[in-house]
Amino acid sequence: MIMMSGEKNIKAACIQMCSSTEVEINIKSAVSFITEAAKQGAELIITPEMTTLLERNSEGLFEKVRTEYRDWE
């Protein structure tokens, strides 16, 4: 690896998880993995694109989808 002046290495974590159709369960699982990665020194933590919801039925998807703001309520 070639390092430019002033650059530093960072520790990254790639989270692998099995998401379900239950948003709250997925969020709790992701938070657990993210917390553990941070405890191990990860500065960059990547989660799967379907971390919070894996819904194959479009009607079910629109019933469960929510804004990022709602995640912080």
Protein backbone atom coordinates (compact mmCIF):
# COMPACT_ATOMS: atom_id res chain seq x y z
CA MET A 1 0.00 0.00 0.00
CA ILE A 2 1.30 3.44 -0.88
CA MET A 3 0.69 6.05 1.82
CA MET A 4 0.56 9.73 1.00
CA SER A 5 2.03 12.23 3.44
CA GLY A 6 -0.36 12.82 6.35
CA GLU A 7 -2.56 9.80 5.58
CA LYS A 8 -3.20 7.08 8.11
CA ASN A 9 -4.54 3.56 8.10
CA ILE A 10 -8.01 3.00 9.48
CA LYS A 11 -9.56 -0.18 10.81
CA ALA A 12 -12.70 -1.18 8.91
CA ALA A 13 -15.37 -3.77 9.66
CA CYS A 14 -17.73 -5.39 7.18
CA ILE A 15 -20.87 -6.64 8.90
CA GLN A 16 -22.45 -9.84 7.57
CA MET A 17 -25.94 -10.52 8.85
CA CYS A 18 -29.13 -12.31 7.91
CA SER A 19 -31.89 -9.69 7.81
CA SER A 20 -35.54 -10.63 8.14
CA THR A 21 -38.86 -8.91 7.53
CA GLU A 22 -38.90 -7.63 11.15
CA VAL A 23 -37.37 -4.13 11.23
CA GLU A 24 -36.90 -3.90 15.01
CA ILE A 25 -35.14 -7.27 15.21
CA ASN A 26 -32.85 -6.30 12.32
CA ILE A 27 -31.96 -2.98 13.96
CA LYS A 28 -31.17 -4.66 17.30
CA SER A 29 -28.98 -7.19 15.52
CA ALA A 30 -27.17 -4.51 13.50
CA VAL A 31 -26.59 -2.37 16.61
CA SER A 32 -25.07 -5.38 18.38
CA PHE A 33 -22.66 -6.08 15.50
CA ILE A 34 -21.79 -2.39 15.07
CA THR A 35 -21.14 -1.97 18.80
CA GLU A 36 -18.83 -4.99 18.83
CA ALA A 37 -16.93 -3.75 15.77
CA ALA A 38 -16.48 -0.32 17.37
CA LYS A 39 -15.25 -1.94 20.61
CA GLN A 40 -12.63 -3.73 18.51
CA GLY A 41 -11.45 -0.41 17.10
CA ALA A 42 -13.31 -0.15 13.79
CA GLU A 43 -13.51 3.42 12.50
CA LEU A 44 -15.45 2.52 9.34
CA ILE A 45 -18.30 0.02 9.65
CA ILE A 46 -20.15 -1.25 6.59
CA THR A 47 -23.53 -3.00 6.77
CA PRO A 48 -25.44 -4.82 4.01
CA GLU A 49 -27.75 -2.82 1.76
CA MET A 50 -30.76 -4.65 3.21
CA THR A 51 -29.71 -4.31 6.86
CA THR A 52 -32.99 -3.09 8.31
CA LEU A 53 -35.55 -4.76 6.07
CA LEU A 54 -35.61 -7.75 3.75
CA GLU A 55 -39.14 -7.76 2.39
CA ARG A 56 -39.93 -9.53 -0.87
CA ASN A 57 -43.60 -8.53 -0.97
CA SER A 58 -44.05 -4.96 -2.27
CA GLU A 59 -47.20 -4.40 -0.20
CA GLY A 60 -45.38 -5.50 2.94
CA LEU A 61 -42.44 -3.31 2.04
CA PHE A 62 -44.49 -0.13 1.84
CA GLU A 63 -46.19 -0.97 5.15
CA LYS A 64 -42.83 -1.34 6.93
CA VAL A 65 -40.60 1.23 5.22
CA ARG A 66 -39.79 4.34 7.25
CA THR A 67 -37.59 7.41 7.12
CA GLU A 68 -34.16 7.59 8.72
CA TYR A 69 -35.58 10.19 11.11
CA ARG A 70 -37.94 7.57 12.55
CA ASP A 71 -34.95 5.38 13.39
CA TRP A 72 -33.91 7.99 15.95
CA GLU A 73 -37.29 8.40 17.62
